[in-house]
């Protein structure tokens, strides 16, 4: 299997919120699970293969909420499963804050159209 043909999940987290490590990990976990369920609705064979292949994940960062929303809209437009995490505001950020975005699991070649050039968190 070529690199661009593999299946992966991408977690995109805002770097401007100054969340604690625990909060950051929790938001990434929300994004991962939520987007997994979106992907499963779209193509169970992709999620099954991802689980069997070791659940590859990449964690990237964006600078603000506007960038996060733009990525979400772009993935939805291209019919790539994605889920936007909106925080309840019980701990570190105000209610309604968009903290993270989960993408896939899906084909790397499709995800990479948007994420190529992004920085790792």
N, C-alpha and C. Protein backbone atom coordinates (compact mmCIF):
# COMPACT_ATOMS: atom_id res chain seq x y z
N UNK A 1 0.85 -1.19 0.00
CA UNK A 1 0.00 0.00 0.00
C UNK A 1 0.89 1.24 0.00
N UNK A 2 0.59 2.17 -0.87
CA UNK A 2 1.35 3.42 -0.93
C UNK A 2 0.93 4.33 0.22
N UNK A 3 1.82 5.28 0.58
CA UNK A 3 1.53 6.19 1.69
C UNK A 3 0.22 6.94 1.50
N UNK A 4 -0.02 7.44 0.28
CA UNK A 4 -1.23 8.22 0.03
C UNK A 4 -2.49 7.37 -0.02
N UNK A 5 -2.32 6.04 -0.12
CA UNK A 5 -3.48 5.15 -0.18
C UNK A 5 -3.85 4.61 1.18
N UNK A 6 -3.00 4.86 2.18
CA UNK A 6 -3.31 4.32 3.50
C UNK A 6 -4.47 5.10 4.13
N UNK A 7 -4.97 4.53 5.20
CA UNK A 7 -6.09 5.14 5.92
C UNK A 7 -5.54 5.73 7.21
N UNK A 8 -5.95 6.95 7.49
CA UNK A 8 -5.50 7.61 8.72
C UNK A 8 -6.61 8.51 9.24
N UNK A 9 -6.40 8.93 10.47
CA UNK A 9 -7.27 9.91 11.09
C UNK A 9 -6.40 11.12 11.43
N UNK A 10 -6.96 12.30 11.24
CA UNK A 10 -6.26 13.52 11.58
C UNK A 10 -7.05 14.25 12.66
N UNK A 11 -6.34 14.69 13.68
CA UNK A 11 -6.93 15.49 14.75
C UNK A 11 -6.29 16.87 14.63
N UNK A 12 -7.11 17.90 14.51
CA UNK A 12 -6.63 19.27 14.40
C UNK A 12 -7.06 20.02 15.65
N UNK A 13 -6.09 20.60 16.34
CA UNK A 13 -6.38 21.27 17.62
C UNK A 13 -5.92 22.72 17.55
N UNK A 14 -6.72 23.59 18.13
CA UNK A 14 -6.36 25.01 18.19
C UNK A 14 -5.18 25.23 19.12
N UNK A 15 -4.20 25.98 18.63
CA UNK A 15 -3.00 26.25 19.44
C UNK A 15 -3.11 27.58 20.20
N UNK A 16 -4.17 28.34 19.97
CA UNK A 16 -4.30 29.65 20.61
C UNK A 16 -5.02 29.62 21.96
N UNK A 17 -5.54 28.49 22.37
CA UNK A 17 -6.37 28.44 23.57
C UNK A 17 -5.59 28.24 24.86
N UNK A 18 -4.34 27.83 24.77
CA UNK A 18 -3.53 27.59 25.97
C UNK A 18 -4.22 26.63 26.93
N UNK A 19 -4.74 25.53 26.39
CA UNK A 19 -5.38 24.50 27.21
C UNK A 19 -4.29 23.71 27.94
N UNK A 20 -4.63 23.20 29.12
CA UNK A 20 -3.70 22.32 29.83
C UNK A 20 -3.52 21.04 29.01
N UNK A 21 -2.49 20.27 29.31
CA UNK A 21 -2.27 19.02 28.57
C UNK A 21 -3.46 18.08 28.68
N UNK A 22 -4.01 17.98 29.88
CA UNK A 22 -5.17 17.10 30.08
C UNK A 22 -6.36 17.52 29.24
N UNK A 23 -6.64 18.82 29.22
CA UNK A 23 -7.75 19.35 28.43
C UNK A 23 -7.50 19.12 26.95
N UNK A 24 -6.27 19.37 26.51
CA UNK A 24 -5.91 19.18 25.11
C UNK A 24 -6.11 17.72 24.69
N UNK A 25 -5.67 16.79 25.51
CA UNK A 25 -5.82 15.37 25.21
C UNK A 25 -7.31 14.99 25.18
N UNK A 26 -8.08 15.51 26.12
CA UNK A 26 -9.52 15.21 26.16
C UNK A 26 -10.21 15.72 24.89
N UNK A 27 -9.86 16.93 24.46
CA UNK A 27 -10.48 17.48 23.25
C UNK A 27 -10.08 16.65 22.02
N UNK A 28 -8.83 16.20 21.97
CA UNK A 28 -8.39 15.34 20.87
C UNK A 28 -9.12 14.00 20.88
N UNK A 29 -9.36 13.47 22.07
CA UNK A 29 -10.10 12.21 22.19
C UNK A 29 -11.54 12.39 21.73
N UNK A 30 -12.16 13.49 22.10
CA UNK A 30 -13.52 13.78 21.61
C UNK A 30 -13.53 13.83 20.08
N UNK A 31 -12.58 14.55 19.51
CA UNK A 31 -12.51 14.69 18.05
C UNK A 31 -12.32 13.34 17.37
N UNK A 32 -11.44 12.51 17.93
CA UNK A 32 -11.17 11.19 17.35
C UNK A 32 -12.42 10.33 17.34
N UNK A 33 -13.08 10.24 18.46
CA UNK A 33 -14.26 9.38 18.56
C UNK A 33 -15.42 9.91 17.70
N UNK A 34 -15.65 11.20 17.77
CA UNK A 34 -16.75 11.78 17.00
C UNK A 34 -16.55 11.59 15.49
N UNK A 35 -15.34 11.81 15.01
CA UNK A 35 -15.12 11.66 13.56
C UNK A 35 -15.09 10.19 13.15
N UNK A 36 -14.68 9.31 14.06
CA UNK A 36 -14.75 7.87 13.77
C UNK A 36 -16.19 7.48 13.46
N UNK A 37 -17.11 7.93 14.29
CA UNK A 37 -18.53 7.59 14.07
C UNK A 37 -19.06 8.19 12.77
N UNK A 38 -18.60 9.38 12.41
CA UNK A 38 -18.98 9.97 11.12
C UNK A 38 -18.46 9.11 9.96
N UNK A 39 -17.21 8.67 10.07
CA UNK A 39 -16.61 7.83 9.02
C UNK A 39 -17.33 6.50 8.92
N UNK A 40 -17.67 5.93 10.06
CA UNK A 40 -18.35 4.63 10.06
C UNK A 40 -19.70 4.71 9.34
N UNK A 41 -20.39 5.82 9.51
CA UNK A 41 -21.67 6.02 8.80
C UNK A 41 -21.48 6.08 7.29
N UNK A 42 -20.33 6.62 6.87
CA UNK A 42 -20.08 6.82 5.44
C UNK A 42 -19.51 5.58 4.75
N UNK A 43 -18.64 4.84 5.45
CA UNK A 43 -18.01 3.67 4.81
C UNK A 43 -17.40 2.75 5.88
N UNK A 44 -18.16 1.73 6.25
CA UNK A 44 -17.71 0.81 7.29
C UNK A 44 -16.44 0.05 6.90
N UNK A 45 -16.21 -0.16 5.61
CA UNK A 45 -15.02 -0.90 5.19
C UNK A 45 -13.75 -0.09 5.49
N UNK A 46 -13.84 1.23 5.39
CA UNK A 46 -12.68 2.08 5.70
C UNK A 46 -12.38 2.05 7.20
N UNK A 47 -13.41 2.18 8.03
CA UNK A 47 -13.16 2.18 9.48
C UNK A 47 -12.67 0.80 9.93
N UNK A 48 -13.18 -0.25 9.34
CA UNK A 48 -12.74 -1.61 9.68
C UNK A 48 -11.25 -1.77 9.34
N UNK A 49 -10.88 -1.35 8.15
CA UNK A 49 -9.47 -1.45 7.73
C UNK A 49 -8.57 -0.63 8.66
N UNK A 50 -9.02 0.56 9.03
CA UNK A 50 -8.24 1.43 9.91
C UNK A 50 -8.00 0.75 11.26
N UNK A 51 -9.04 0.15 11.81
CA UNK A 51 -8.89 -0.56 13.08
C UNK A 51 -7.91 -1.72 12.96
N UNK A 52 -7.97 -2.44 11.85
CA UNK A 52 -7.09 -3.60 11.63
C UNK A 52 -5.64 -3.19 11.38
N UNK A 53 -5.44 -1.97 10.85
CA UNK A 53 -4.10 -1.52 10.47
C UNK A 53 -3.38 -0.74 11.58
N UNK A 54 -3.99 -0.61 12.74
CA UNK A 54 -3.31 0.05 13.86
C UNK A 54 -3.77 1.44 14.19
N UNK A 55 -4.83 1.92 13.55
CA UNK A 55 -5.46 3.20 13.91
C UNK A 55 -4.52 4.39 13.81
N UNK A 56 -3.87 4.56 12.67
CA UNK A 56 -2.93 5.68 12.48
C UNK A 56 -3.63 7.02 12.69
N UNK A 57 -2.98 7.86 13.51
CA UNK A 57 -3.49 9.20 13.80
C UNK A 57 -2.36 10.21 13.66
N UNK A 58 -2.71 11.39 13.17
CA UNK A 58 -1.78 12.50 13.07
C UNK A 58 -2.45 13.68 13.79
N UNK A 59 -1.69 14.39 14.63
CA UNK A 59 -2.25 15.53 15.35
C UNK A 59 -1.58 16.80 14.84
N UNK A 60 -2.41 17.71 14.32
CA UNK A 60 -1.95 18.96 13.72
C UNK A 60 -2.53 20.14 14.49
N UNK A 61 -2.03 21.34 14.17
CA UNK A 61 -2.54 22.52 14.87
C UNK A 61 -2.98 23.60 13.90
N UNK A 62 -3.92 24.40 14.37
CA UNK A 62 -4.34 25.62 13.67
C UNK A 62 -4.26 26.77 14.66
N UNK A 63 -4.23 27.98 14.14
CA UNK A 63 -3.98 29.14 14.98
C UNK A 63 -5.22 29.72 15.67
N UNK A 64 -6.42 29.43 15.14
CA UNK A 64 -7.61 30.04 15.74
C UNK A 64 -8.89 29.32 15.32
N UNK A 65 -10.01 29.76 15.90
CA UNK A 65 -11.30 29.13 15.63
C UNK A 65 -11.72 29.28 14.17
N UNK A 66 -11.45 30.42 13.59
CA UNK A 66 -11.83 30.66 12.19
C UNK A 66 -11.16 29.63 11.27
N UNK A 67 -9.89 29.37 11.49
CA UNK A 67 -9.16 28.37 10.68
C UNK A 67 -9.76 26.98 10.89
N UNK A 68 -10.09 26.65 12.12
CA UNK A 68 -10.68 25.35 12.42
C UNK A 68 -12.01 25.17 11.67
N UNK A 69 -12.85 26.21 11.71
CA UNK A 69 -14.14 26.15 11.02
C UNK A 69 -13.98 26.03 9.51
N UNK A 70 -13.00 26.72 8.96
CA UNK A 70 -12.76 26.65 7.51
C UNK A 70 -12.36 25.24 7.08
N UNK A 71 -11.49 24.61 7.87
CA UNK A 71 -11.12 23.23 7.57
C UNK A 71 -12.34 22.31 7.65
N UNK A 72 -13.14 22.48 8.69
CA UNK A 72 -14.34 21.66 8.85
C UNK A 72 -15.24 21.79 7.63
N UNK A 73 -15.51 23.01 7.21
CA UNK A 73 -16.38 23.23 6.04
C UNK A 73 -15.78 22.62 4.77
N UNK A 74 -14.47 22.73 4.61
CA UNK A 74 -13.81 22.16 3.42
C UNK A 74 -13.94 20.64 3.40
N UNK A 75 -13.71 19.99 4.52
CA UNK A 75 -13.84 18.53 4.57
C UNK A 75 -15.27 18.10 4.32
N UNK A 76 -16.23 18.79 4.92
CA UNK A 76 -17.64 18.44 4.71
C UNK A 76 -18.02 18.62 3.23
N UNK A 77 -17.54 19.69 2.61
CA UNK A 77 -17.83 19.96 1.20
C UNK A 77 -17.33 18.82 0.31
N UNK A 78 -16.15 18.29 0.64
CA UNK A 78 -15.55 17.20 -0.14
C UNK A 78 -16.04 15.82 0.30
N UNK A 79 -17.01 15.79 1.20
CA UNK A 79 -17.59 14.54 1.70
C UNK A 79 -16.56 13.64 2.39
N UNK A 80 -15.67 14.27 3.12
CA UNK A 80 -14.71 13.56 3.95
C UNK A 80 -15.24 13.66 5.39
N UNK A 81 -15.40 12.53 6.08
CA UNK A 81 -16.01 12.60 7.41
C UNK A 81 -15.19 13.45 8.38
N UNK A 82 -15.89 14.34 9.06
CA UNK A 82 -15.23 15.26 9.99
C UNK A 82 -16.21 15.62 11.10
N UNK A 83 -15.67 15.92 12.27
CA UNK A 83 -16.50 16.31 13.41
C UNK A 83 -15.81 17.44 14.18
N UNK A 84 -16.56 18.48 14.41
CA UNK A 84 -16.07 19.66 15.11
C UNK A 84 -16.46 19.57 16.58
N UNK A 85 -15.48 19.72 17.46
CA UNK A 85 -15.73 19.63 18.90
C UNK A 85 -16.08 21.02 19.44
N UNK A 86 -17.23 21.09 20.09
CA UNK A 86 -17.68 22.32 20.74
C UNK A 86 -17.69 22.06 22.24
N UNK A 87 -16.90 22.80 22.99
CA UNK A 87 -16.74 22.56 24.42
C UNK A 87 -17.95 23.05 25.21
N UNK A 88 -18.27 22.32 26.25
CA UNK A 88 -19.39 22.68 27.12
C UNK A 88 -19.06 23.86 28.03
N UNK A 89 -17.78 24.15 28.19
CA UNK A 89 -17.37 25.31 28.98
C UNK A 89 -17.36 25.09 30.48
N UNK A 90 -17.21 23.85 30.91
CA UNK A 90 -17.25 23.57 32.34
C UNK A 90 -15.90 23.72 33.04
N UNK A 91 -14.82 23.82 32.26
CA UNK A 91 -13.51 23.89 32.90
C UNK A 91 -12.67 25.08 32.43
N UNK A 92 -11.98 24.95 31.30
CA UNK A 92 -10.96 25.93 30.93
C UNK A 92 -11.33 26.95 29.86
N UNK A 93 -12.34 26.67 29.07
CA UNK A 93 -12.71 27.58 27.98
C UNK A 93 -14.19 27.93 28.08
N UNK A 94 -14.60 29.05 27.50
CA UNK A 94 -16.01 29.45 27.56
C UNK A 94 -16.92 28.45 26.82
N UNK A 95 -18.18 28.33 27.26
CA UNK A 95 -19.12 27.44 26.57
C UNK A 95 -19.22 27.80 25.08
N UNK A 96 -19.29 26.77 24.24
CA UNK A 96 -19.43 26.99 22.81
C UNK A 96 -18.13 27.15 22.05
N UNK A 97 -17.00 27.13 22.77
CA UNK A 97 -15.70 27.26 22.11
C UNK A 97 -15.43 26.03 21.24
N UNK A 98 -15.06 26.27 20.00
CA UNK A 98 -14.66 25.19 19.10
C UNK A 98 -13.19 24.90 19.38
N UNK A 99 -12.89 23.70 19.85
CA UNK A 99 -11.54 23.38 20.31
C UNK A 99 -10.74 22.49 19.37
N UNK A 100 -11.43 21.58 18.69
CA UNK A 100 -10.71 20.58 17.90
C UNK A 100 -11.59 20.08 16.75
N UNK A 101 -10.92 19.44 15.81
CA UNK A 101 -11.59 18.86 14.65
C UNK A 101 -11.03 17.48 14.41
N UNK A 102 -11.91 16.51 14.29
CA UNK A 102 -11.49 15.16 13.92
C UNK A 102 -11.82 14.93 12.46
N UNK A 103 -10.91 14.28 11.74
CA UNK A 103 -11.11 13.99 10.32
C UNK A 103 -10.81 12.51 10.10
N UNK A 104 -11.77 11.81 9.56
CA UNK A 104 -11.58 10.39 9.26
C UNK A 104 -11.78 9.52 10.48
N UNK A 105 -11.36 8.28 10.36
CA UNK A 105 -10.41 7.70 9.42
C UNK A 105 -10.93 7.72 7.98
N UNK A 106 -10.00 8.03 7.09
CA UNK A 106 -10.33 8.14 5.67
C UNK A 106 -9.05 7.97 4.85
N UNK A 107 -9.19 7.99 3.55
CA UNK A 107 -8.03 7.83 2.68
C UNK A 107 -7.08 9.02 2.80
N UNK A 108 -5.81 8.72 3.03
CA UNK A 108 -4.80 9.77 3.20
C UNK A 108 -4.74 10.70 2.01
N UNK A 109 -4.88 10.15 0.80
CA UNK A 109 -4.79 10.98 -0.40
C UNK A 109 -5.84 12.08 -0.41
N UNK A 110 -7.02 11.82 0.14
CA UNK A 110 -8.07 12.83 0.18
C UNK A 110 -7.85 13.83 1.31
N UNK A 111 -7.45 13.33 2.47
CA UNK A 111 -7.19 14.22 3.61
C UNK A 111 -6.01 15.15 3.31
N UNK A 112 -4.97 14.60 2.69
CA UNK A 112 -3.75 15.37 2.45
C UNK A 112 -3.95 16.58 1.55
N UNK A 113 -5.00 16.58 0.74
CA UNK A 113 -5.29 17.75 -0.10
C UNK A 113 -5.43 19.00 0.75
N UNK A 114 -5.90 18.84 1.98
CA UNK A 114 -6.15 19.98 2.86
C UNK A 114 -5.07 20.16 3.92
N UNK A 115 -4.44 19.07 4.34
CA UNK A 115 -3.54 19.15 5.49
C UNK A 115 -2.06 19.24 5.12
N UNK A 116 -1.75 19.02 3.86
CA UNK A 116 -0.33 19.12 3.43
C UNK A 116 0.19 20.50 3.81
N UNK A 117 1.32 20.54 4.46
CA UNK A 117 1.90 21.83 4.83
C UNK A 117 1.55 22.30 6.22
N UNK A 118 0.60 21.62 6.88
CA UNK A 118 0.25 22.00 8.26
C UNK A 118 1.32 21.51 9.22
N UNK A 119 1.40 22.15 10.36
CA UNK A 119 2.39 21.82 11.38
C UNK A 119 1.81 20.82 12.39
N UNK A 120 2.69 19.92 12.86
CA UNK A 120 2.31 19.01 13.93
C UNK A 120 2.14 19.80 15.22
N UNK A 121 1.24 19.31 16.06
CA UNK A 121 1.02 19.98 17.36
C UNK A 121 2.20 19.70 18.28
